[in-house]
Amino acid sequence: MAMRDWAKTLRRASFRGVPFWVESESPEVGRRVVVHEISGGETILTEDMGARSKSIFVDAYVAGDAADFAGLALERACGVPGASLLILPMDAGEAVHCIACARTRSKDQNGFVAYRLEFIRSGGRASFAASGLGQLRTAFSAGVATVAALIAAGV
């Protein structure tokens, strides 16, 4: 029996079409449960309040000669309002909001920028177009102009 070639089956990750690499990912799912502790009692009561919002934590990075520009593009994508498509190496794409994007750079790792990203699954039935993708073109147009100006200035 042939073993699966994992390297060939994993996709490149992206958010709003901005690519990045994934070091690790950890989705969190569960239930919202309220615990009622009764005064003087020896037992507790629990109340299931329904599904908990799915959170996805991603340790991501960009690397290479243009890592600074790739990082800026990822940060801009995370700052655009509304939900958009998140694609991870092993999971189907899904509509999410980026609720946190923390950057880490180290003087000993030039050309490598790490990120801790946090996403939450989009609620409701809103389409991508109604949830901020129209604003994406504007944000990225400004971003491309900024990056082009930085390159022209030799930064």
N, C-alpha and C. Protein backbone atom coordinates (compact mmCIF):
# COMPACT_ATOMS: atom_id res chain seq x y z
N MET A 1 0.84 -1.18 0.00
CA MET A 1 0.00 0.00 0.00
C MET A 1 0.89 1.25 0.00
N ALA A 2 0.65 2.15 -0.93
CA ALA A 2 1.46 3.36 -1.05
C ALA A 2 1.07 4.36 0.04
N MET A 3 2.07 5.04 0.56
CA MET A 3 1.83 6.07 1.58
C MET A 3 1.45 7.37 0.89
N ARG A 4 0.63 8.13 1.54
CA ARG A 4 0.21 9.43 1.02
C ARG A 4 1.39 10.39 1.01
N ASP A 5 1.55 11.13 -0.07
CA ASP A 5 2.59 12.16 -0.15
C ASP A 5 1.98 13.47 0.34
N TRP A 6 2.12 13.72 1.62
CA TRP A 6 1.48 14.87 2.26
C TRP A 6 1.91 16.19 1.63
N ALA A 7 3.17 16.32 1.29
CA ALA A 7 3.67 17.58 0.72
C ALA A 7 2.93 17.95 -0.56
N LYS A 8 2.51 16.98 -1.33
CA LYS A 8 1.81 17.24 -2.59
C LYS A 8 0.33 17.53 -2.39
N THR A 9 -0.23 17.17 -1.25
CA THR A 9 -1.68 17.35 -1.05
C THR A 9 -2.03 18.59 -0.24
N LEU A 10 -1.04 19.26 0.35
CA LEU A 10 -1.34 20.45 1.14
C LEU A 10 -1.35 21.69 0.26
N ARG A 11 -2.38 22.53 0.44
CA ARG A 11 -2.50 23.78 -0.32
C ARG A 11 -1.75 24.90 0.40
N ARG A 12 -1.44 25.94 -0.32
CA ARG A 12 -0.89 27.16 0.28
C ARG A 12 -2.04 27.88 0.94
N ALA A 13 -1.84 28.41 2.11
CA ALA A 13 -2.88 29.12 2.84
C ALA A 13 -3.03 30.54 2.29
N SER A 14 -4.24 31.09 2.47
CA SER A 14 -4.46 32.49 2.08
C SER A 14 -5.68 33.03 2.82
N PHE A 15 -5.69 34.35 2.95
CA PHE A 15 -6.86 35.06 3.47
C PHE A 15 -7.07 36.26 2.57
N ARG A 16 -8.28 36.41 2.07
CA ARG A 16 -8.61 37.46 1.10
C ARG A 16 -7.69 37.39 -0.11
N GLY A 17 -7.22 36.19 -0.43
CA GLY A 17 -6.35 36.00 -1.58
C GLY A 17 -4.88 36.30 -1.32
N VAL A 18 -4.54 36.73 -0.11
CA VAL A 18 -3.15 37.02 0.25
C VAL A 18 -2.52 35.73 0.78
N PRO A 19 -1.49 35.23 0.11
CA PRO A 19 -0.91 33.93 0.51
C PRO A 19 0.05 34.05 1.70
N PHE A 20 0.11 32.97 2.48
CA PHE A 20 1.06 32.87 3.58
C PHE A 20 1.31 31.39 3.85
N TRP A 21 2.32 31.10 4.64
CA TRP A 21 2.64 29.73 5.03
C TRP A 21 2.12 29.48 6.44
N VAL A 22 1.80 28.23 6.73
CA VAL A 22 1.26 27.87 8.04
C VAL A 22 2.24 26.98 8.78
N GLU A 23 2.61 27.43 9.97
CA GLU A 23 3.44 26.62 10.86
C GLU A 23 2.56 25.67 11.65
N SER A 24 1.45 26.20 12.18
CA SER A 24 0.48 25.37 12.89
C SER A 24 -0.87 26.06 12.88
N GLU A 25 -1.90 25.28 13.06
CA GLU A 25 -3.26 25.81 13.13
C GLU A 25 -4.01 25.02 14.18
N SER A 26 -4.94 25.71 14.85
CA SER A 26 -5.71 25.01 15.88
C SER A 26 -7.12 25.58 15.96
N PRO A 27 -8.06 24.89 15.32
CA PRO A 27 -9.45 25.31 15.43
C PRO A 27 -10.00 24.95 16.81
N GLU A 28 -10.93 25.76 17.28
CA GLU A 28 -11.59 25.50 18.56
C GLU A 28 -13.09 25.48 18.33
N VAL A 29 -13.70 24.38 18.69
CA VAL A 29 -15.16 24.24 18.60
C VAL A 29 -15.67 23.71 19.93
N GLY A 30 -16.94 23.80 20.14
CA GLY A 30 -17.51 23.27 21.38
C GLY A 30 -18.91 23.79 21.60
N ARG A 31 -19.33 23.70 22.83
CA ARG A 31 -20.67 24.12 23.22
C ARG A 31 -20.57 25.25 24.25
N ARG A 32 -21.59 26.08 24.29
CA ARG A 32 -21.71 27.09 25.35
C ARG A 32 -22.55 26.45 26.45
N VAL A 33 -21.94 26.22 27.58
CA VAL A 33 -22.64 25.55 28.68
C VAL A 33 -22.57 26.43 29.92
N VAL A 34 -23.74 26.68 30.52
CA VAL A 34 -23.82 27.44 31.76
C VAL A 34 -23.91 26.44 32.90
N VAL A 35 -23.10 26.67 33.93
CA VAL A 35 -23.10 25.81 35.10
C VAL A 35 -23.82 26.54 36.22
N HIS A 36 -24.87 25.91 36.78
CA HIS A 36 -25.62 26.48 37.92
C HIS A 36 -25.22 25.70 39.16
N GLU A 37 -24.54 26.40 40.07
CA GLU A 37 -24.16 25.78 41.33
C GLU A 37 -25.18 26.21 42.38
N ILE A 38 -25.89 25.25 42.92
CA ILE A 38 -26.99 25.51 43.85
C ILE A 38 -26.43 25.65 45.26
N SER A 39 -26.78 26.72 45.93
CA SER A 39 -26.32 26.96 47.30
C SER A 39 -26.76 25.82 48.22
N GLY A 40 -25.79 25.27 48.93
CA GLY A 40 -26.09 24.18 49.86
C GLY A 40 -26.28 22.84 49.18
N GLY A 41 -26.18 22.80 47.89
CA GLY A 41 -26.41 21.55 47.17
C GLY A 41 -25.11 20.80 46.92
N GLU A 42 -25.23 19.54 46.61
CA GLU A 42 -24.08 18.70 46.31
C GLU A 42 -23.96 18.39 44.83
N THR A 43 -24.95 18.82 44.06
CA THR A 43 -24.90 18.58 42.62
C THR A 43 -25.02 19.92 41.89
N ILE A 44 -24.66 19.91 40.66
CA ILE A 44 -24.77 21.10 39.83
C ILE A 44 -25.76 20.84 38.71
N LEU A 45 -26.26 21.90 38.14
CA LEU A 45 -27.11 21.80 36.96
C LEU A 45 -26.36 22.45 35.80
N THR A 46 -26.46 21.86 34.64
CA THR A 46 -25.85 22.46 33.46
C THR A 46 -26.93 22.75 32.44
N GLU A 47 -26.71 23.80 31.69
CA GLU A 47 -27.67 24.23 30.67
C GLU A 47 -26.91 24.45 29.37
N ASP A 48 -27.26 23.67 28.35
CA ASP A 48 -26.62 23.79 27.04
C ASP A 48 -27.24 24.96 26.29
N MET A 49 -26.42 25.94 25.96
CA MET A 49 -26.89 27.16 25.30
C MET A 49 -26.66 27.14 23.79
N GLY A 50 -26.21 26.01 23.26
CA GLY A 50 -26.01 25.92 21.82
C GLY A 50 -24.54 25.91 21.43
N ALA A 51 -24.32 25.92 20.14
CA ALA A 51 -22.96 25.84 19.61
C ALA A 51 -22.16 27.09 19.95
N ARG A 52 -20.90 26.88 20.24
CA ARG A 52 -19.95 27.96 20.48
C ARG A 52 -19.43 28.44 19.13
N SER A 53 -19.08 29.70 19.03
CA SER A 53 -18.49 30.21 17.80
C SER A 53 -17.18 29.50 17.53
N LYS A 54 -16.97 29.10 16.28
CA LYS A 54 -15.72 28.43 15.93
C LYS A 54 -14.61 29.47 15.80
N SER A 55 -13.54 29.27 16.54
CA SER A 55 -12.35 30.11 16.44
C SER A 55 -11.25 29.31 15.77
N ILE A 56 -10.42 29.98 15.01
CA ILE A 56 -9.28 29.32 14.35
C ILE A 56 -8.04 30.15 14.65
N PHE A 57 -7.07 29.54 15.30
CA PHE A 57 -5.80 30.18 15.61
C PHE A 57 -4.76 29.64 14.65
N VAL A 58 -4.03 30.55 14.00
CA VAL A 58 -3.05 30.14 13.00
C VAL A 58 -1.71 30.80 13.31
N ASP A 59 -0.67 29.99 13.42
CA ASP A 59 0.69 30.49 13.47
C ASP A 59 1.19 30.48 12.03
N ALA A 60 1.31 31.68 11.47
CA ALA A 60 1.60 31.84 10.04
C ALA A 60 2.93 32.57 9.87
N TYR A 61 3.43 32.53 8.63
CA TYR A 61 4.63 33.31 8.33
C TYR A 61 4.71 33.59 6.85
N VAL A 62 5.47 34.64 6.54
CA VAL A 62 5.86 34.97 5.18
C VAL A 62 7.38 34.98 5.19
N ALA A 63 7.98 34.60 4.08
CA ALA A 63 9.44 34.50 4.05
C ALA A 63 9.96 34.82 2.66
N GLY A 64 11.18 35.29 2.60
CA GLY A 64 11.83 35.58 1.33
C GLY A 64 12.27 37.03 1.26
N ASP A 65 12.81 37.40 0.10
CA ASP A 65 13.31 38.76 -0.09
C ASP A 65 12.21 39.82 0.03
N ALA A 66 10.98 39.46 -0.28
CA ALA A 66 9.86 40.40 -0.20
C ALA A 66 8.97 40.14 1.01
N ALA A 67 9.53 39.54 2.07
CA ALA A 67 8.73 39.20 3.25
C ALA A 67 8.10 40.43 3.89
N ASP A 68 8.82 41.55 3.88
CA ASP A 68 8.26 42.76 4.48
C ASP A 68 7.01 43.22 3.72
N PHE A 69 7.04 43.15 2.40
CA PHE A 69 5.88 43.55 1.60
C PHE A 69 4.75 42.52 1.70
N ALA A 70 5.11 41.24 1.71
CA ALA A 70 4.10 40.19 1.87
C ALA A 70 3.42 40.32 3.23
N GLY A 71 4.19 40.66 4.25
CA GLY A 71 3.63 40.86 5.59
C GLY A 71 2.68 42.03 5.63
N LEU A 72 3.06 43.14 4.98
CA LEU A 72 2.16 44.30 4.93
C LEU A 72 0.85 43.94 4.23
N ALA A 73 0.93 43.16 3.17
CA ALA A 73 -0.29 42.75 2.46
C ALA A 73 -1.17 41.90 3.37
N LEU A 74 -0.57 41.00 4.14
CA LEU A 74 -1.36 40.16 5.05
C LEU A 74 -1.99 41.02 6.15
N GLU A 75 -1.24 41.97 6.68
CA GLU A 75 -1.79 42.85 7.71
C GLU A 75 -2.95 43.69 7.18
N ARG A 76 -2.81 44.18 5.95
CA ARG A 76 -3.91 44.95 5.34
C ARG A 76 -5.13 44.07 5.15
N ALA A 77 -4.92 42.84 4.68
CA ALA A 77 -6.05 41.93 4.48
C ALA A 77 -6.78 41.67 5.80
N CYS A 78 -6.02 41.56 6.88
CA CYS A 78 -6.64 41.30 8.19
C CYS A 78 -7.37 42.53 8.72
N GLY A 79 -7.01 43.72 8.24
CA GLY A 79 -7.64 44.94 8.72
C GLY A 79 -8.87 45.38 7.95
N VAL A 80 -9.17 44.71 6.84
CA VAL A 80 -10.34 45.07 6.04
C VAL A 80 -11.61 44.56 6.75
N PRO A 81 -12.63 45.40 6.87
CA PRO A 81 -13.86 44.96 7.55
C PRO A 81 -14.60 43.88 6.77
N GLY A 82 -15.35 43.09 7.49
CA GLY A 82 -16.20 42.08 6.90
C GLY A 82 -15.53 40.72 6.79
N ALA A 83 -16.33 39.74 6.47
CA ALA A 83 -15.85 38.36 6.34
C ALA A 83 -15.25 38.13 4.96
N SER A 84 -14.35 37.16 4.89
CA SER A 84 -13.78 36.77 3.61
C SER A 84 -13.34 35.32 3.69
N LEU A 85 -12.80 34.84 2.59
CA LEU A 85 -12.44 33.44 2.48
C LEU A 85 -11.06 33.16 3.08
N LEU A 86 -11.04 32.22 4.02
CA LEU A 86 -9.79 31.71 4.59
C LEU A 86 -9.57 30.32 4.04
N ILE A 87 -8.40 30.10 3.45
CA ILE A 87 -8.03 28.78 2.95
C ILE A 87 -6.83 28.30 3.74
N LEU A 88 -6.95 27.14 4.34
CA LEU A 88 -5.86 26.53 5.10
C LEU A 88 -5.40 25.27 4.38
N PRO A 89 -4.19 24.80 4.66
CA PRO A 89 -3.63 23.68 3.90
C PRO A 89 -4.49 22.42 3.84
N MET A 90 -5.19 22.07 4.92
CA MET A 90 -5.93 20.81 4.92
C MET A 90 -7.44 20.95 4.98
N ASP A 91 -7.96 22.15 5.26
CA ASP A 91 -9.40 22.33 5.44
C ASP A 91 -10.03 23.00 4.23
N ALA A 92 -11.33 22.78 4.10
CA ALA A 92 -12.08 23.49 3.06
C ALA A 92 -12.11 24.97 3.42
N GLY A 93 -12.14 25.83 2.42
CA GLY A 93 -12.22 27.25 2.68
C GLY A 93 -13.52 27.60 3.38
N GLU A 94 -13.46 28.65 4.21
CA GLU A 94 -14.69 29.08 4.87
C GLU A 94 -14.66 30.58 5.11
N ALA A 95 -15.86 31.16 5.26
CA ALA A 95 -15.99 32.60 5.51
C ALA A 95 -15.68 32.89 6.96
N VAL A 96 -14.73 33.79 7.18
CA VAL A 96 -14.31 34.13 8.54
C VAL A 96 -14.04 35.63 8.64
N HIS A 97 -13.98 36.11 9.88
CA HIS A 97 -13.51 37.45 10.19
C HIS A 97 -12.15 37.29 10.86
N CYS A 98 -11.21 38.13 10.51
CA CYS A 98 -9.93 38.14 11.22
C CYS A 98 -10.11 39.07 12.42
N ILE A 99 -9.99 38.54 13.64
CA ILE A 99 -10.19 39.37 14.82
C ILE A 99 -8.87 39.71 15.51
N ALA A 100 -7.77 39.10 15.08
CA ALA A 100 -6.46 39.47 15.63
C ALA A 100 -5.36 39.08 14.65
N CYS A 101 -4.38 39.96 14.55
CA CYS A 101 -3.21 39.73 13.69
C CYS A 101 -2.00 40.31 14.42
N ALA A 102 -1.20 39.45 15.03
CA ALA A 102 -0.03 39.90 15.78
C ALA A 102 1.24 39.49 15.04
N ARG A 103 2.10 40.48 14.78
CA ARG A 103 3.33 40.26 14.01
C ARG A 103 4.52 40.09 14.96
N THR A 104 5.45 39.20 14.58
CA THR A 104 6.71 39.02 15.31
C THR A 104 7.84 39.03 14.30
N ARG A 105 8.80 39.93 14.52
CA ARG A 105 10.01 39.96 13.70
C ARG A 105 11.20 39.84 14.64
N SER A 106 12.23 39.17 14.16
CA SER A 106 13.42 38.97 14.97
C SER A 106 14.65 39.41 14.18
N LYS A 107 15.59 40.06 14.83
CA LYS A 107 16.78 40.54 14.12
C LYS A 107 17.62 39.38 13.60
N ASP A 108 17.47 38.21 14.18
CA ASP A 108 18.24 37.04 13.75
C ASP A 108 17.57 36.27 12.63
N GLN A 109 16.36 36.70 12.22
CA GLN A 109 15.64 35.99 11.16
C GLN A 109 15.19 36.98 10.08
N ASN A 110 16.14 37.65 9.47
CA ASN A 110 15.80 38.58 8.40
C ASN A 110 15.17 37.81 7.24
N GLY A 111 14.15 38.41 6.64
CA GLY A 111 13.45 37.75 5.55
C GLY A 111 12.39 36.78 6.04
N PHE A 112 12.08 36.81 7.32
CA PHE A 112 11.07 35.92 7.92
C PHE A 112 10.23 36.75 8.88
N VAL A 113 8.92 36.77 8.64
CA VAL A 113 8.00 37.51 9.50
C VAL A 113 6.92 36.54 9.95
N ALA A 114 6.79 36.39 11.27
CA ALA A 114 5.80 35.45 11.83
C ALA A 114 4.55 36.21 12.27
N TYR A 115 3.43 35.50 12.23
CA TYR A 115 2.15 36.07 12.65
C TYR A 115 1.38 35.08 13.49
N ARG A 116 0.65 35.60 14.47
CA ARG A 116 -0.34 34.82 15.21
C ARG A 116 -1.67 35.41 14.80
N LEU A 117 -2.45 34.64 14.04
CA LEU A 117 -3.73 35.11 13.51
C LEU A 117 -4.87 34.43 14.24
N GLU A 118 -5.93 35.18 14.47
CA GLU A 118 -7.13 34.60 15.06
C GLU A 118 -8.32 34.96 14.19
N PHE A 119 -9.07 33.93 13.82
CA PHE A 119 -10.25 34.10 12.98
C PHE A 119 -11.46 33.55 13.72
N ILE A 120 -12.62 34.07 13.37
CA ILE A 120 -13.87 33.53 13.89
C ILE A 120 -14.80 33.33 12.71
N ARG A 121 -15.48 32.18 12.70
CA ARG A 121 -16.39 31.86 11.59
C ARG A 121 -17.46 32.93 11.47
N SER A 122 -17.74 33.30 10.23
CA SER A 122 -18.76 34.30 9.95
C SER A 122 -20.14 33.74 10.25
N GLY A 123 -20.95 34.53 10.89
CA GLY A 123 -22.32 34.12 11.18
C GLY A 123 -23.27 34.65 10.14
N GLY A 124 -24.46 34.12 10.11
CA GLY A 124 -25.47 34.59 9.17
C GLY A 124 -25.27 34.08 7.77
N ARG A 125 -26.08 34.59 6.87
CA ARG A 125 -26.06 34.12 5.49
C ARG A 125 -25.56 35.20 4.54
N ALA A 126 -24.84 36.18 5.07
CA ALA A 126 -24.37 37.28 4.22
C ALA A 126 -23.38 36.76 3.19
N SER A 127 -23.48 37.27 2.00
CA SER A 127 -22.53 36.88 0.96
C SER A 127 -21.22 37.62 1.16
N PHE A 128 -20.16 37.15 0.51
CA PHE A 128 -18.88 37.82 0.61
C PHE A 128 -18.99 39.24 0.08
N ALA A 129 -19.73 39.44 -1.01
CA ALA A 129 -19.82 40.76 -1.61
C ALA A 129 -20.45 41.75 -0.65
N ALA A 130 -21.41 41.29 0.14
CA ALA A 130 -22.09 42.18 1.07
C ALA A 130 -21.31 42.34 2.36
N SER A 131 -20.22 41.59 2.53
CA SER A 131 -19.53 41.64 3.81
C SER A 131 -18.12 42.22 3.72
N GLY A 132 -17.89 43.08 2.75
CA GLY A 132 -16.62 43.78 2.75
C GLY A 132 -15.71 43.52 1.56
N LEU A 133 -16.06 42.60 0.67
CA LEU A 133 -15.16 42.36 -0.46
C LEU A 133 -15.11 43.54 -1.41
N GLY A 134 -16.19 44.30 -1.47
CA GLY A 134 -16.15 45.50 -2.30
C GLY A 134 -15.12 46.49 -1.80
N GLN A 135 -14.95 46.54 -0.47
CA GLN A 135 -13.96 47.43 0.13
C GLN A 135 -12.55 46.89 -0.06
N LEU A 136 -12.43 45.60 -0.32
CA LEU A 136 -11.12 44.98 -0.47
C LEU A 136 -10.36 45.58 -1.64
N ARG A 137 -11.03 45.77 -2.78
CA ARG A 137 -10.36 46.35 -3.94
C ARG A 137 -9.76 47.71 -3.61
N THR A 138 -10.54 48.53 -2.90
CA THR A 138 -10.07 49.85 -2.52
C THR A 138 -8.85 49.76 -1.61
N ALA A 139 -8.93 48.88 -0.60
CA ALA A 139 -7.83 48.74 0.36
C ALA A 139 -6.57 48.23 -0.33
N PHE A 140 -6.71 47.24 -1.20
CA PHE A 140 -5.53 46.69 -1.86
C PHE A 140 -4.99 47.62 -2.93
N SER A 141 -5.85 48.40 -3.57
CA SER A 141 -5.36 49.39 -4.53
C SER A 141 -4.46 50.38 -3.81
N ALA A 142 -4.90 50.82 -2.64
CA ALA A 142 -4.09 51.74 -1.84
C ALA A 142 -2.81 51.04 -1.39
N GLY A 143 -2.93 49.78 -1.01
CA GLY A 143 -1.77 49.02 -0.55
C GLY A 143 -0.75 48.81 -1.65
N VAL A 144 -1.21 48.50 -2.86
CA VAL A 144 -0.31 48.30 -3.99
C VAL A 144 0.42 49.60 -4.31
N ALA A 145 -0.31 50.71 -4.27
CA ALA A 145 0.31 52.00 -4.53
C ALA A 145 1.37 52.30 -3.47
N THR A 146 1.08 51.97 -2.21
CA THR A 146 2.04 52.20 -1.13
C THR A 146 3.28 51.34 -1.32
N VAL A 147 3.09 50.07 -1.63
CA VAL A 147 4.21 49.17 -1.84
C VAL A 147 5.04 49.63 -3.04
N ALA A 148 4.38 50.05 -4.12
CA ALA A 148 5.10 50.53 -5.31
C ALA A 148 5.93 51.77 -4.96
N ALA A 149 5.37 52.67 -4.14
CA ALA A 149 6.09 53.87 -3.73
C ALA A 149 7.30 53.50 -2.88
N LEU A 150 7.14 52.53 -1.98
CA LEU A 150 8.26 52.09 -1.14
C LEU A 150 9.38 51.48 -1.98
N ILE A 151 8.99 50.68 -2.97
CA ILE A 151 10.00 50.05 -3.84
C ILE A 151 10.73 51.14 -4.63
N ALA A 152 9.98 52.09 -5.16
CA ALA A 152 10.59 53.16 -5.95
C ALA A 152 11.54 54.01 -5.09
N ALA A 153 11.22 54.14 -3.80
CA ALA A 153 12.06 54.93 -2.91
C ALA A 153 13.26 54.13 -2.40
N GLY A 154 13.30 52.86 -2.74
CA GLY A 154 14.42 52.02 -2.33
C GLY A 154 14.34 51.57 -0.88
N VAL A 155 13.15 51.58 -0.31
CA VAL A 155 12.98 51.14 1.08
C VAL A 155 12.90 49.66 1.17
